[in-house]
Protein backbone atom coordinates (compact mmCIF):
# COMPACT_ATOMS: atom_id res chain seq x y z
CA MET A 1 0.00 -0.02 0.01
CA ASP A 2 1.22 3.48 -0.86
CA THR A 3 1.17 5.57 2.27
CA ILE A 4 -0.42 8.55 0.59
CA ASP A 5 -3.16 6.43 -0.96
CA GLY A 6 -3.82 4.98 2.51
CA MET A 7 -4.06 8.38 4.04
CA ARG A 8 -6.45 9.54 1.34
CA ALA A 9 -8.57 6.49 1.91
CA PHE A 10 -8.59 7.23 5.65
CA ALA A 11 -9.52 10.90 5.09
CA HIS A 12 -12.37 9.97 2.70
CA VAL A 13 -13.76 7.45 5.17
CA MET A 14 -13.61 10.03 7.90
CA GLU A 15 -15.52 12.62 5.82
CA THR A 16 -18.10 10.32 4.35
CA LYS A 17 -18.59 7.89 7.28
CA SER A 18 -18.72 5.16 4.71
CA PHE A 19 -16.12 2.78 3.13
CA THR A 20 -18.34 2.59 -0.01
CA ALA A 21 -18.61 6.27 -0.46
CA ALA A 22 -14.79 6.73 0.16
CA ALA A 23 -14.03 4.02 -2.36
CA ARG A 24 -16.26 5.68 -4.93
CA LYS A 25 -14.38 8.98 -4.50
CA MET A 26 -11.09 7.26 -4.97
CA GLY A 27 -12.28 5.06 -7.93
CA ILE A 28 -11.49 1.77 -6.10
CA SER A 29 -13.49 -1.06 -4.58
CA PRO A 30 -14.79 -0.89 -1.03
CA ALA A 31 -12.79 -3.95 -0.23
CA LEU A 32 -9.66 -2.33 -1.28
CA ALA A 33 -10.49 0.84 0.76
CA SER A 34 -11.09 -1.42 3.82
CA LYS A 35 -7.85 -3.15 3.12
CA TYR A 36 -5.95 0.16 3.12
CA ILE A 37 -7.42 1.14 6.45
CA GLY A 38 -6.60 -2.18 7.87
CA GLN A 39 -2.99 -1.96 6.73
CA MET A 40 -2.70 1.56 8.22
CA GLU A 41 -4.07 0.32 11.59
CA ASP A 42 -1.54 -2.59 11.56
CA ARG A 43 1.32 -0.29 10.82
CA LEU A 44 0.26 2.26 13.41
CA GLY A 45 -0.52 -0.38 15.98
CA THR A 46 -3.96 1.16 16.85
CA ARG A 47 -7.52 1.11 15.74
CA LEU A 48 -8.64 4.24 13.77
CA PHE A 49 -12.36 3.39 13.40
CA ASN A 50 -14.98 1.53 15.39
CA ARG A 51 -16.96 -0.39 12.74
CA THR A 52 -20.43 -1.99 12.87
CA THR A 53 -22.57 -3.47 10.12
CA ARG A 54 -24.43 -0.05 9.89
CA SER A 55 -21.94 2.63 10.82
CA VAL A 56 -18.29 3.73 10.88
CA HIS A 57 -17.07 6.08 13.67
CA PRO A 58 -13.52 7.27 14.40
CA THR A 59 -11.87 6.46 17.57
CA GLU A 60 -10.36 9.25 19.68
CA ILE A 61 -6.88 8.37 18.21
CA GLY A 62 -8.42 8.31 14.68
CA ALA A 63 -9.93 11.74 15.10
CA ALA A 64 -6.74 13.23 16.20
CA TYR A 65 -4.86 11.46 13.44
CA TYR A 66 -7.26 12.85 10.83
CA ILE A 67 -6.31 16.48 11.70
CA LYS A 68 -2.57 15.86 10.96
CA CYS A 69 -3.43 13.62 8.08
CA LYS A 70 -5.39 16.29 6.32
CA LYS A 71 -2.54 18.79 6.71
CA ILE A 72 0.05 16.28 5.23
CA LEU A 73 -2.33 15.59 2.33
CA ARG A 74 -2.86 19.23 1.71
CA ASP A 75 0.81 20.03 1.78
CA PHE A 76 1.59 17.01 -0.55
CA HIS A 77 -0.98 18.19 -3.05
CA GLU A 78 0.23 21.76 -2.95
CA MET A 79 3.92 20.60 -3.28
CA GLU A 80 3.01 18.57 -6.38
CA GLU A 81 0.84 21.33 -7.82
CA SER A 82 3.61 23.98 -7.33
CA VAL A 83 6.07 21.77 -9.34
CA THR A 84 3.49 21.19 -12.09
CA ASP A 85 2.69 24.90 -12.20
CA GLN A 86 6.18 25.71 -13.30
CA SER A 87 6.02 23.80 -16.49
CA THR A 88 2.39 24.15 -17.72
CA GLU A 89 -0.11 26.81 -18.46
CA PRO A 90 -2.45 27.52 -15.54
CA LYS A 91 -5.60 25.45 -15.88
CA GLY A 92 -8.38 23.98 -13.83
CA LEU A 93 -11.36 25.14 -11.81
CA ILE A 94 -11.38 28.29 -9.60
CA ARG A 95 -14.33 28.58 -7.23
CA ILE A 96 -14.96 32.17 -6.21
CA ALA A 97 -17.49 33.69 -3.77
CA ALA A 98 -18.25 37.42 -4.07
CA PRO A 99 -20.87 40.04 -3.01
CA ARG A 100 -23.64 40.39 -5.59
CA ALA A 101 -23.30 44.15 -6.28
CA PHE A 102 -19.51 44.09 -6.91
CA GLY A 103 -19.80 40.78 -8.69
CA GLU A 104 -22.41 41.79 -11.19
CA ASP A 105 -21.12 45.39 -11.71
CA MET A 106 -17.41 44.77 -12.07
CA LEU A 107 -16.14 41.35 -11.36
CA VAL A 108 -18.09 39.44 -14.08
CA GLU A 109 -16.74 41.73 -16.81
CA ALA A 110 -13.19 41.27 -15.41
CA ILE A 111 -13.66 37.46 -15.30
CA GLY A 112 -14.66 37.55 -19.07
CA ASP A 113 -11.40 39.23 -19.93
CA PHE A 114 -9.38 36.90 -17.66
CA MET A 115 -10.84 33.75 -19.34
CA GLN A 116 -9.95 35.17 -22.74
CA GLN A 117 -6.30 35.46 -21.47
CA TYR A 118 -6.42 31.98 -19.72
CA PRO A 119 -8.78 29.73 -21.73
CA GLU A 120 -7.74 26.58 -19.76
CA ILE A 121 -9.11 27.98 -16.46
CA MET A 122 -12.75 27.49 -15.62
CA ILE A 123 -14.51 29.89 -13.22
CA ASP A 124 -17.27 28.88 -10.81
CA LEU A 125 -18.57 32.20 -9.43
CA VAL A 126 -21.07 32.29 -6.61
CA LEU A 127 -22.60 35.77 -5.98
CA ASP A 128 -24.14 35.98 -2.48
CA GLU A 129 -24.11 38.47 0.30
CA ARG A 130 -23.53 35.63 2.74
CA ARG A 131 -20.09 35.21 4.11
CA VAL A 132 -19.00 31.79 2.97
CA ASP A 133 -16.56 29.55 4.78
CA ILE A 134 -13.86 29.36 2.12
CA ILE A 135 -12.25 26.15 3.39
CA ASP A 136 -15.24 24.11 4.57
CA GLU A 137 -17.35 25.00 1.46
CA GLY A 138 -14.62 24.28 -0.97
CA PHE A 139 -13.88 27.71 -2.41
CA ASP A 140 -10.50 28.74 -3.65
CA MET A 141 -10.99 32.34 -2.82
CA ALA A 142 -13.53 35.04 -1.83
CA ILE A 143 -13.98 38.64 -2.59
CA ARG A 144 -15.16 40.56 0.43
CA LEU A 145 -15.94 44.19 1.42
CA ASP A 146 -13.92 45.06 4.54
CA GLU A 147 -14.62 43.24 7.85
CA LEU A 148 -11.64 40.98 7.71
CA ARG A 149 -11.95 38.96 10.92
CA ASP A 150 -10.47 35.58 9.85
CA SER A 151 -6.81 35.44 10.62
CA SER A 152 -6.52 32.01 8.90
CA LEU A 153 -6.90 33.81 5.53
CA ILE A 154 -4.64 35.94 3.45
CA ALA A 155 -6.05 39.22 2.33
CA ARG A 156 -4.92 41.26 -0.65
CA LYS A 157 -6.55 44.65 -1.28
CA ILE A 158 -8.14 44.82 -4.77
CA MET A 159 -9.38 48.42 -4.76
CA ALA A 160 -10.92 51.20 -2.75
CA PHE A 161 -14.63 50.84 -2.84
CA PRO A 162 -16.34 53.91 -1.35
CA TYR A 163 -19.95 54.76 -0.73
CA MET A 164 -20.95 58.23 -1.99
CA VAL A 165 -24.00 60.51 -1.65
CA CYS A 166 -25.71 60.82 -5.03
CA ALA A 167 -28.90 62.25 -6.48
CA SER A 168 -30.40 62.75 -9.94
CA PRO A 169 -30.29 66.13 -11.61
CA ASP A 170 -34.19 66.27 -11.67
CA TYR A 171 -34.19 65.76 -7.91
CA LEU A 172 -31.66 68.53 -7.34
CA LYS A 173 -33.67 70.84 -9.73
CA ASN A 174 -36.75 70.31 -7.76
CA HIS A 175 -35.39 70.16 -4.20
CA GLY A 176 -32.08 72.03 -4.29
CA THR A 177 -28.54 70.81 -3.58
CA PRO A 178 -27.43 70.18 -0.02
CA GLU A 179 -24.03 71.93 0.69
CA THR A 180 -23.36 70.37 4.07
CA PRO A 181 -24.44 67.16 5.84
CA GLY A 182 -26.68 69.17 7.98
CA ASN A 183 -28.71 70.32 5.01
CA LEU A 184 -29.92 66.74 4.51
CA ILE A 185 -32.56 67.37 7.14
CA ASN A 186 -34.50 69.24 4.46
CA HIS A 187 -34.32 66.40 1.91
CA ARG A 188 -35.73 62.97 0.97
CA CYS A 189 -33.20 60.20 1.64
CA ILE A 190 -33.05 56.59 0.55
CA ILE A 191 -31.76 54.28 3.27
CA ASN A 192 -29.82 51.05 2.56
CA ALA A 193 -30.67 49.19 5.76
CA PRO A 194 -27.68 46.87 5.91
CA ILE A 195 -25.30 49.84 5.68
CA SER A 196 -27.45 52.39 7.76
CA PRO A 197 -29.75 50.24 9.98
CA THR A 198 -30.47 53.23 12.30
CA GLY A 199 -31.15 55.68 9.42
CA GLN A 200 -27.80 57.50 10.09
CA TRP A 201 -25.11 58.34 7.52
CA GLN A 202 -21.47 58.91 8.54
CA PHE A 203 -19.60 62.04 7.37
CA LEU A 204 -16.23 63.55 8.07
CA ILE A 205 -16.86 66.84 9.76
CA GLU A 206 -14.09 69.04 10.95
CA GLY A 207 -11.68 66.03 10.89
CA GLN A 208 -13.95 63.70 12.85
CA LYS A 209 -16.39 61.07 11.72
CA LYS A 210 -19.92 61.90 12.87
CA LEU A 211 -23.32 60.23 12.33
CA ILE A 212 -26.13 62.35 10.93
CA THR A 213 -29.62 61.20 11.13
CA VAL A 214 -31.36 61.77 7.72
CA PRO A 215 -35.08 61.80 6.75
CA GLN A 216 -36.20 58.47 5.22
CA SER A 217 -38.33 58.55 2.08
CA ALA A 218 -37.57 54.99 1.26
CA ARG A 219 -35.81 51.97 2.85
CA VAL A 220 -34.27 49.19 0.87
CA ASN A 221 -31.82 46.39 1.53
CA THR A 222 -29.56 46.31 -1.39
CA ALA A 223 -26.99 48.72 -2.88
CA ARG A 224 -28.48 48.44 -6.38
CA ALA A 225 -31.94 49.26 -5.17
CA THR A 226 -30.60 52.40 -3.54
CA THR A 227 -29.03 53.54 -6.80
CA THR A 228 -32.10 52.71 -8.88
CA LEU A 229 -34.34 54.91 -6.58
CA ALA A 230 -31.86 57.70 -6.60
CA ARG A 231 -31.70 57.54 -10.39
CA ALA A 232 -35.43 57.70 -10.52
CA GLY A 233 -35.41 60.98 -8.53
CA ILE A 234 -37.08 59.50 -5.38
CA GLY A 235 -34.39 61.07 -3.20
CA ILE A 236 -30.79 61.23 -2.19
CA GLY A 237 -28.93 57.98 -1.74
CA LEU A 238 -25.73 56.73 -0.07
CA CYS A 239 -24.64 54.73 -3.00
CA LEU A 240 -22.02 52.01 -3.50
CA TYR A 241 -19.36 53.12 -6.04
CA SER A 242 -19.80 50.21 -8.43
CA THR A 243 -23.53 50.73 -8.79
CA VAL A 244 -23.16 54.47 -9.76
CA ARG A 245 -19.90 54.65 -11.69
CA ASP A 246 -21.63 54.59 -15.04
CA ASP A 247 -24.36 56.98 -13.95
CA LEU A 248 -21.81 59.48 -12.77
CA LYS A 249 -20.07 59.39 -16.12
CA THR A 250 -23.23 59.93 -18.12
CA GLY A 251 -24.71 62.50 -15.71
CA ARG A 252 -27.73 60.48 -14.63
CA LEU A 253 -26.49 60.98 -11.09
CA VAL A 254 -24.55 63.71 -9.38
CA ARG A 255 -22.13 63.15 -6.60
CA LEU A 256 -22.78 65.30 -3.51
CA LEU A 257 -21.01 66.29 -0.39
CA GLN A 258 -17.61 64.93 -1.54
CA PRO A 259 -15.53 66.82 1.01
CA TYR A 260 -17.45 65.08 3.75
CA GLU A 261 -17.18 61.48 2.50
CA ALA A 262 -16.23 59.04 5.20
CA TYR A 263 -17.16 55.54 3.89
CA ASP A 264 -13.65 54.46 2.77
CA ARG A 265 -14.44 50.82 2.28
CA LYS A 266 -12.10 48.40 0.53
CA ILE A 267 -12.48 45.32 -1.54
CA TYR A 268 -10.24 42.30 -0.65
CA ALA A 269 -9.36 38.99 -2.33
CA LEU A 270 -9.11 36.37 0.45
CA TYR A 271 -7.66 32.85 0.26
CA PRO A 272 -6.30 30.28 2.71
CA HIS A 273 -2.73 30.51 3.93
CA SER A 274 -0.66 28.22 1.81
CA GLN A 275 3.06 27.83 1.18
CA HIS A 276 2.32 26.84 -2.36
CA LEU A 277 -0.72 28.77 -3.69
CA SER A 278 -1.96 27.17 -6.88
CA ARG A 279 -0.87 28.95 -9.95
CA LYS A 280 -4.39 29.29 -11.27
CA THR A 281 -5.50 31.12 -8.11
CA ARG A 282 -2.31 33.21 -8.10
CA VAL A 283 -2.65 34.43 -11.72
CA PHE A 284 -6.25 35.35 -10.99
CA VAL A 285 -5.46 37.36 -7.90
CA ASP A 286 -2.58 39.08 -9.85
CA PHE A 287 -5.03 39.82 -12.66
CA LEU A 288 -7.43 41.51 -10.25
CA LEU A 289 -4.72 43.65 -8.73
CA GLU A 290 -3.57 44.86 -12.11
CA ARG A 291 -7.20 45.32 -13.33
CA PHE A 292 -8.39 47.38 -10.33
CA GLY A 293 -5.12 48.89 -9.30
CA GLY A 294 -4.88 47.39 -5.80
């Protein structure tokens, strides 16, 4: 028995709780998977699983061994992949999780250009506001907006991603233009609840960040809905940059209160700590850095 194959069989049995399912993943027979585990137990001098006719459960030693086994298998895979990367074009599947607004407004277009450059790479993009668990859910990387709390991940800043106060020309013609944050009290405002749950917007006033309560004419729960209502002249919105960049260029929206802006958010690419990051993921991260300027 090859030691690595034995460890792979052991890990698959741990994860599937079944010799049959583990064998199917490896493309071998259940009898051979069982033989691998038996040989490992003989070599280690201890039982790794408690088996019955209906279930397979790890022993205490087996559960502890699994943690170390997974690390060795991951390192082995990364070592082989890093050697292969040096002599071949990057290829394979990259699974990416990203927030919907940034994904639809900017990332999808960038991915299209990336795949033209690297036709052997396949992209599986999942757009969701939910914070996925990159490792447990099998993602290669995630794109996130600030709030980097997981120290087990490497974070690379892709770009600044501010929120900005915007309104349509028609709205400003009918209601006037606020010159200071305090003037907003006399205006209709569109609230994006996840960003401003209490109906307050943050501004930089005299060098300090302060919260200003604004009148609510509409309340939504997505960045794109905020921009859509602002474009329609419903009120003034605190809008995510990616959702208004084209409107600002064409004049459909006007940027307001720029000297007071205080939402200096950033977009990051996150991926697990790894001594040998796969080339396919590395070239994609590098592409994003070049595309968006870091």
